[in-house]
Amino acid sequence: GGDHTITYPILQAVAKKHGPVGLVHVDAHTDTGDTALGEKIYHGTPFRRCVEEGLLDCGRVVQIGLRGSSYDPHPYKYCQDQGFRVVPAEECWRKSLVPLMGEVRQQMGEKPVYISFDIDGLDPAYAPGTGTPEIAGLTPAQALEIIRGCKGLNIVGCDLVEVAPMYDVSGNTALLGANLLFEMLCVLPRVKT
């Protein structure tokens, strides 16, 4: 639960201990906006604030599953200008993400990595219980490939955000969110599975 603003103070604390970290970010949106309704901090801006504060090792940031609406005609430009690897959802359609995660593992190396997973990275057919659903997203199997593909990385923290169970009478979004969090716990360093 919680919206993506929770990641900003978490990364402030993580960077205080570890320095700038790599980021595996699964989301329908980049969350690198500058302002909304005159506010600099909201759920669509956390990663821009993190870049500005030097919390991220920008050459080790990957964003997976991006798609959907944007207020910007070039929604990925800011991310790419920072050195982020951007993997739009359409590059993930109809295929396994195991090869992608092999590349991500090389990109991340042995330095600290944080995982931030917005449930709207998944298609609303699987996870409708979120505030900003976008069609044509990732599948639960691809979500598992991403998370399990992080095993062995120097993971220093993780989150799963934007789950809004009241928007899903079936309960499937909450079930999926709980299972993805369990999977994230299983890939933490020194966890025996």
C-alpha atoms as a PDB file:
ATOM      1  CA  GLY A   1       0.000   0.000   0.000  1.00  0.00           C
ATOM      2  CA  GLY A   2       0.883   3.653   0.034  1.00  0.00           C
ATOM      3  CA  ASP A   3       1.597   5.670  -3.067  1.00  0.00           C
ATOM      4  CA  HIS A   4       4.999   6.080  -4.654  1.00  0.00           C
ATOM      5  CA  THR A   5       5.909   9.080  -2.496  1.00  0.00           C
ATOM      6  CA  ILE A   6       6.983   6.580   0.208  1.00  0.00           C
ATOM      7  CA  THR A   7      10.009   5.587  -1.871  1.00  0.00           C
ATOM      8  CA  TYR A   8      11.560   9.058  -1.717  1.00  0.00           C
ATOM      9  CA  PRO A   9      12.246   9.179   2.061  1.00  0.00           C
ATOM     10  CA  ILE A  10      13.192   5.498   2.053  1.00  0.00           C
ATOM     11  CA  LEU A  11      15.844   6.178  -0.592  1.00  0.00           C
ATOM     12  CA  GLN A  12      17.055   9.187   1.392  1.00  0.00           C
ATOM     13  CA  ALA A  13      17.710   6.865   4.349  1.00  0.00           C
ATOM     14  CA  VAL A  14      19.188   4.091   2.182  1.00  0.00           C
ATOM     15  CA  ALA A  15      21.550   6.515   0.409  1.00  0.00           C
ATOM     16  CA  LYS A  16      22.653   7.943   3.752  1.00  0.00           C
ATOM     17  CA  LYS A  17      23.940   4.472   4.629  1.00  0.00           C
ATOM     18  CA  HIS A  18      24.999   3.110   1.208  1.00  0.00           C
ATOM     19  CA  GLY A  19      25.516   6.151  -1.012  1.00  0.00           C
ATOM     20  CA  PRO A  20      23.739   6.403  -4.381  1.00  0.00           C
ATOM     21  CA  VAL A  21      22.042   3.108  -5.236  1.00  0.00           C
ATOM     22  CA  GLY A  22      20.983   1.292  -8.368  1.00  0.00           C
ATOM     23  CA  LEU A  23      17.250   0.960  -8.905  1.00  0.00           C
ATOM     24  CA  VAL A  24      15.053  -1.703 -10.474  1.00  0.00           C
ATOM     25  CA  HIS A  25      11.791   0.191 -10.980  1.00  0.00           C
ATOM     26  CA  VAL A  26       8.691  -1.597 -12.313  1.00  0.00           C
ATOM     27  CA  ASP A  27       5.886   0.797 -13.162  1.00  0.00           C
ATOM     28  CA  ALA A  28       3.489   1.986 -15.849  1.00  0.00           C
ATOM     29  CA  HIS A  29       4.811   5.522 -15.291  1.00  0.00           C
ATOM     30  CA  THR A  30       8.284   7.026 -14.957  1.00  0.00           C
ATOM     31  CA  ASP A  31       7.426   8.945 -11.764  1.00  0.00           C
ATOM     32  CA  THR A  32       9.925  11.614 -12.781  1.00  0.00           C
ATOM     33  CA  GLY A  33       7.508  14.510 -13.169  1.00  0.00           C
ATOM     34  CA  ASP A  34       8.546  17.880 -11.816  1.00  0.00           C
ATOM     35  CA  THR A  35       5.320  19.190 -10.238  1.00  0.00           C
ATOM     36  CA  ALA A  36       1.596  18.544 -10.007  1.00  0.00           C
ATOM     37  CA  LEU A  37      -0.862  21.200  -8.917  1.00  0.00           C
ATOM     38  CA  GLY A  38       2.134  23.269  -7.867  1.00  0.00           C
ATOM     39  CA  GLU A  39       3.545  20.564  -5.576  1.00  0.00           C
ATOM     40  CA  LYS A  40       7.056  19.141  -5.953  1.00  0.00           C
ATOM     41  CA  ILE A  41       6.327  15.994  -3.947  1.00  0.00           C
ATOM     42  CA  TYR A  42       3.590  13.661  -5.115  1.00  0.00           C
ATOM     43  CA  HIS A  43       3.406  10.098  -6.382  1.00  0.00           C
ATOM     44  CA  GLY A  44       4.516  11.065  -9.875  1.00  0.00           C
ATOM     45  CA  THR A  45       7.736  12.886  -8.838  1.00  0.00           C
ATOM     46  CA  PRO A  46       9.775  10.727  -6.421  1.00  0.00           C
ATOM     47  CA  PHE A  47      12.509   9.658  -8.791  1.00  0.00           C
ATOM     48  CA  ARG A  48      13.139  13.195 -10.062  1.00  0.00           C
ATOM     49  CA  ARG A  49      13.592  14.305  -6.447  1.00  0.00           C
ATOM     50  CA  CYS A  50      15.942  11.343  -5.915  1.00  0.00           C
ATOM     51  CA  VAL A  51      18.022  12.330  -8.956  1.00  0.00           C
ATOM     52  CA  GLU A  52      18.198  15.940  -7.774  1.00  0.00           C
ATOM     53  CA  GLU A  53      19.468  14.830  -4.362  1.00  0.00           C
ATOM     54  CA  GLY A  54      22.011  12.369  -5.781  1.00  0.00           C
ATOM     55  CA  LEU A  55      20.308   9.352  -4.193  1.00  0.00           C
ATOM     56  CA  LEU A  56      20.453   7.232  -7.369  1.00  0.00           C
ATOM     57  CA  ASP A  57      23.395   5.864  -9.321  1.00  0.00           C
ATOM     58  CA  CYS A  58      21.716   6.880 -12.583  1.00  0.00           C
ATOM     59  CA  GLY A  59      23.788   4.551 -14.770  1.00  0.00           C
ATOM     60  CA  ARG A  60      22.343   1.679 -12.744  1.00  0.00           C
ATOM     61  CA  VAL A  61      18.654   2.574 -12.961  1.00  0.00           C
ATOM     62  CA  VAL A  62      16.295   0.453 -15.051  1.00  0.00           C
ATOM     63  CA  GLN A  63      12.586   1.176 -15.493  1.00  0.00           C
ATOM     64  CA  ILE A  64      10.486  -1.747 -16.752  1.00  0.00           C
ATOM     65  CA  GLY A  65       6.900  -1.777 -18.028  1.00  0.00           C
ATOM     66  CA  LEU A  66       6.495   1.912 -18.825  1.00  0.00           C
ATOM     67  CA  ARG A  67       3.460   2.847 -20.910  1.00  0.00           C
ATOM     68  CA  GLY A  68       0.240   4.759 -20.752  1.00  0.00           C
ATOM     69  CA  SER A  69      -0.782   8.345 -20.491  1.00  0.00           C
ATOM     70  CA  SER A  70       1.568  11.240 -19.920  1.00  0.00           C
ATOM     71  CA  TYR A  71       1.441  15.018 -19.777  1.00  0.00           C
ATOM     72  CA  ASP A  72       4.653  15.126 -21.789  1.00  0.00           C
ATOM     73  CA  PRO A  73       4.945  14.347 -25.525  1.00  0.00           C
ATOM     74  CA  HIS A  74       8.349  12.736 -24.771  1.00  0.00           C
ATOM     75  CA  PRO A  75       7.664  10.953 -21.479  1.00  0.00           C
ATOM     76  CA  TYR A  76      10.974   9.032 -21.336  1.00  0.00           C
ATOM     77  CA  LYS A  77      13.338  11.857 -22.321  1.00  0.00           C
ATOM     78  CA  TYR A  78      14.129  12.997 -18.781  1.00  0.00           C
ATOM     79  CA  CYS A  79      14.907   9.410 -17.738  1.00  0.00           C
ATOM     80  CA  GLN A  80      17.085   8.724 -20.758  1.00  0.00           C
ATOM     81  CA  ASP A  81      18.886  12.050 -20.295  1.00  0.00           C
ATOM     82  CA  GLN A  82      19.807  10.915 -16.768  1.00  0.00           C
ATOM     83  CA  GLY A  83      21.224   7.635 -18.099  1.00  0.00           C
ATOM     84  CA  PHE A  84      18.342   5.394 -17.003  1.00  0.00           C
ATOM     85  CA  ARG A  85      17.619   2.266 -19.018  1.00  0.00           C
ATOM     86  CA  VAL A  86      13.987   2.517 -20.129  1.00  0.00           C
ATOM     87  CA  VAL A  87      12.151  -0.683 -21.060  1.00  0.00           C
ATOM     88  CA  PRO A  88       8.637   0.202 -22.306  1.00  0.00           C
ATOM     89  CA  ALA A  89       5.923  -2.406 -21.845  1.00  0.00           C
ATOM     90  CA  GLU A  90       5.712  -3.082 -25.576  1.00  0.00           C
ATOM     91  CA  GLU A  91       9.290  -4.387 -25.491  1.00  0.00           C
ATOM     92  CA  CYS A  92       8.085  -6.970 -22.942  1.00  0.00           C
ATOM     93  CA  TRP A  93       4.943  -8.191 -24.680  1.00  0.00           C
ATOM     94  CA  ARG A  94       4.709 -11.903 -25.487  1.00  0.00           C
ATOM     95  CA  LYS A  95       8.141 -12.870 -24.166  1.00  0.00           C
ATOM     96  CA  SER A  96      10.075 -14.033 -21.165  1.00  0.00           C
ATOM     97  CA  LEU A  97      11.966 -11.344 -19.248  1.00  0.00           C
ATOM     98  CA  VAL A  98      14.698 -13.752 -18.111  1.00  0.00           C
ATOM     99  CA  PRO A  99      17.121 -12.483 -20.814  1.00  0.00           C
ATOM    100  CA  LEU A 100      16.394  -8.861 -19.866  1.00  0.00           C
ATOM    101  CA  MET A 101      17.091  -9.602 -16.217  1.00  0.00           C
ATOM    102  CA  GLY A 102      20.419 -11.182 -17.161  1.00  0.00           C
ATOM    103  CA  GLU A 103      21.364  -7.832 -18.699  1.00  0.00           C
ATOM    104  CA  VAL A 104      20.029  -5.960 -15.671  1.00  0.00           C
ATOM    105  CA  ARG A 105      22.104  -8.138 -13.332  1.00  0.00           C
ATOM    106  CA  GLN A 106      25.241  -7.195 -15.278  1.00  0.00           C
ATOM    107  CA  GLN A 107      24.253  -3.521 -15.210  1.00  0.00           C
ATOM    108  CA  MET A 108      23.701  -3.563 -11.430  1.00  0.00           C
ATOM    109  CA  GLY A 109      26.939  -5.377 -10.594  1.00  0.00           C
ATOM    110  CA  GLU A 110      27.812  -5.860  -6.935  1.00  0.00           C
ATOM    111  CA  LYS A 111      26.878  -2.372  -5.716  1.00  0.00           C
ATOM    112  CA  PRO A 112      23.719  -1.682  -3.646  1.00  0.00           C
ATOM    113  CA  VAL A 113      20.373  -1.977  -5.440  1.00  0.00           C
ATOM    114  CA  TYR A 114      16.842  -0.994  -4.433  1.00  0.00           C
ATOM    115  CA  ILE A 115      13.692  -2.562  -5.951  1.00  0.00           C
ATOM    116  CA  SER A 116      10.581  -0.404  -6.293  1.00  0.00           C
ATOM    117  CA  PHE A 117       7.520  -2.129  -7.730  1.00  0.00           C
ATOM    118  CA  ASP A 118       4.353  -0.191  -8.546  1.00  0.00           C
ATOM    119  CA  ILE A 119       1.463  -2.626  -8.910  1.00  0.00           C
ATOM    120  CA  ASP A 120       0.236  -0.656 -11.941  1.00  0.00           C
ATOM    121  CA  GLY A 121       3.244  -2.040 -13.823  1.00  0.00           C
ATOM    122  CA  LEU A 122       1.006  -5.083 -14.203  1.00  0.00           C
ATOM    123  CA  ASP A 123      -1.924  -5.112 -16.582  1.00  0.00           C
ATOM    124  CA  PRO A 124      -5.214  -4.196 -14.858  1.00  0.00           C
ATOM    125  CA  ALA A 125      -6.619  -7.545 -16.001  1.00  0.00           C
ATOM    126  CA  TYR A 126      -4.477  -8.967 -13.168  1.00  0.00           C
ATOM    127  CA  ALA A 127      -4.251  -5.986 -10.796  1.00  0.00           C
ATOM    128  CA  PRO A 128      -7.187  -3.583 -11.206  1.00  0.00           C
ATOM    129  CA  GLY A 129      -6.910  -2.357  -7.600  1.00  0.00           C
ATOM    130  CA  THR A 130      -4.722   0.677  -8.178  1.00  0.00           C
ATOM    131  CA  GLY A 131      -5.304   4.393  -8.605  1.00  0.00           C
ATOM    132  CA  THR A 132      -3.768   4.794 -12.074  1.00  0.00           C
ATOM    133  CA  PRO A 133      -4.385   1.613 -14.085  1.00  0.00           C
ATOM    134  CA  GLU A 134      -2.978   1.502 -17.618  1.00  0.00           C
ATOM    135  CA  ILE A 135      -3.830  -1.178 -20.186  1.00  0.00           C
ATOM    136  CA  ALA A 136      -1.313  -3.467 -21.921  1.00  0.00           C
ATOM    137  CA  GLY A 137       0.945  -4.074 -18.956  1.00  0.00           C
ATOM    138  CA  LEU A 138       3.100  -6.883 -17.644  1.00  0.00           C
ATOM    139  CA  THR A 139       1.827 -10.289 -16.558  1.00  0.00           C
ATOM    140  CA  PRO A 140       2.245 -11.838 -13.111  1.00  0.00           C
ATOM    141  CA  ALA A 141       4.671 -14.370 -14.614  1.00  0.00           C
ATOM    142  CA  GLN A 142       6.822 -11.510 -15.934  1.00  0.00           C
ATOM    143  CA  ALA A 143       6.680  -9.864 -12.502  1.00  0.00           C
ATOM    144  CA  LEU A 144       8.082 -13.060 -10.994  1.00  0.00           C
ATOM    145  CA  GLU A 145      10.802 -13.182 -13.649  1.00  0.00           C
ATOM    146  CA  ILE A 146      11.820  -9.633 -12.756  1.00  0.00           C
ATOM    147  CA  ILE A 147      11.880 -10.199  -9.015  1.00  0.00           C
ATOM    148  CA  ARG A 148      13.498 -13.631  -9.174  1.00  0.00           C
ATOM    149  CA  GLY A 149      15.968 -12.201 -11.680  1.00  0.00           C
ATOM    150  CA  CYS A 150      17.217  -9.909  -8.897  1.00  0.00           C
ATOM    151  CA  LYS A 151      18.338 -12.827  -6.720  1.00  0.00           C
ATOM    152  CA  GLY A 152      22.027 -12.532  -5.936  1.00  0.00           C
ATOM    153  CA  LEU A 153      22.118  -8.760  -6.351  1.00  0.00           C
ATOM    154  CA  ASN A 154      23.185  -6.605  -3.410  1.00  0.00           C
ATOM    155  CA  ILE A 155      19.604  -5.627  -2.574  1.00  0.00           C
ATOM    156  CA  VAL A 156      19.461  -3.103   0.255  1.00  0.00           C
ATOM    157  CA  GLY A 157      15.704  -2.522   0.233  1.00  0.00           C
ATOM    158  CA  CYS A 158      12.477  -2.894  -1.678  1.00  0.00           C
ATOM    159  CA  ASP A 159       8.885  -1.740  -1.767  1.00  0.00           C
ATOM    160  CA  LEU A 160       5.594  -2.515  -3.474  1.00  0.00           C
ATOM    161  CA  VAL A 161       3.296   0.467  -3.852  1.00  0.00           C
ATOM    162  CA  GLU A 162      -0.024   1.748  -5.175  1.00  0.00           C
ATOM    163  CA  VAL A 163      -2.131  -1.265  -4.134  1.00  0.00           C
ATOM    164  CA  ALA A 164      -5.676  -0.001  -3.512  1.00  0.00           C
ATOM    165  CA  PRO A 165      -7.785  -3.058  -2.565  1.00  0.00           C
ATOM    166  CA  MET A 166     -11.024  -1.072  -2.429  1.00  0.00           C
ATOM    167  CA  TYR A 167     -10.830  -0.735  -6.231  1.00  0.00           C
ATOM    168  CA  ASP A 168     -10.828  -4.525  -6.683  1.00  0.00           C
ATOM    169  CA  VAL A 169     -13.816  -6.413  -5.328  1.00  0.00           C
ATOM    170  CA  SER A 170     -12.205  -9.739  -6.323  1.00  0.00           C
ATOM    171  CA  GLY A 171      -9.269  -9.284  -3.938  1.00  0.00           C
ATOM    172  CA  ASN A 172      -6.850 -10.385  -6.671  1.00  0.00           C
ATOM    173  CA  THR A 173      -4.734  -7.203  -6.529  1.00  0.00           C
ATOM    174  CA  ALA A 174      -4.099  -7.607  -2.800  1.00  0.00           C
ATOM    175  CA  LEU A 175      -3.306 -11.307  -3.297  1.00  0.00           C
ATOM    176  CA  LEU A 176      -0.893 -10.517  -6.121  1.00  0.00           C
ATOM    177  CA  GLY A 177       0.719  -7.695  -4.127  1.00  0.00           C
ATOM    178  CA  ALA A 178       1.238  -9.924  -1.075  1.00  0.00           C
ATOM    179  CA  ASN A 179       2.797 -12.644  -3.210  1.00  0.00           C
ATOM    180  CA  LEU A 180       5.134 -10.204  -4.961  1.00  0.00           C
ATOM    181  CA  LEU A 181       6.274  -8.850  -1.594  1.00  0.00           C
ATOM    182  CA  PHE A 182       6.925 -12.403  -0.431  1.00  0.00           C
ATOM    183  CA  GLU A 183       8.991 -12.997  -3.570  1.00  0.00           C
ATOM    184  CA  MET A 184      10.973  -9.808  -2.878  1.00  0.00           C
ATOM    185  CA  LEU A 185      11.725 -10.975   0.653  1.00  0.00           C
ATOM    186  CA  CYS A 186      12.969 -14.259  -0.781  1.00  0.00           C
ATOM    187  CA  VAL A 187      15.571 -12.546  -3.012  1.00  0.00           C
ATOM    188  CA  LEU A 188      17.077 -10.425  -0.254  1.00  0.00           C
ATOM    189  CA  PRO A 189      20.745 -11.216   0.470  1.00  0.00           C
ATOM    190  CA  ARG A 190      21.395 -14.066   2.896  1.00  0.00           C
ATOM    191  CA  VAL A 191      17.776 -15.334   2.702  1.00  0.00           C
ATOM    192  CA  LYS A 192      17.715 -19.107   2.269  1.00  0.00           C
ATOM    193  CA  THR A 193      14.897 -20.344   0.069  1.00  0.00           C
END
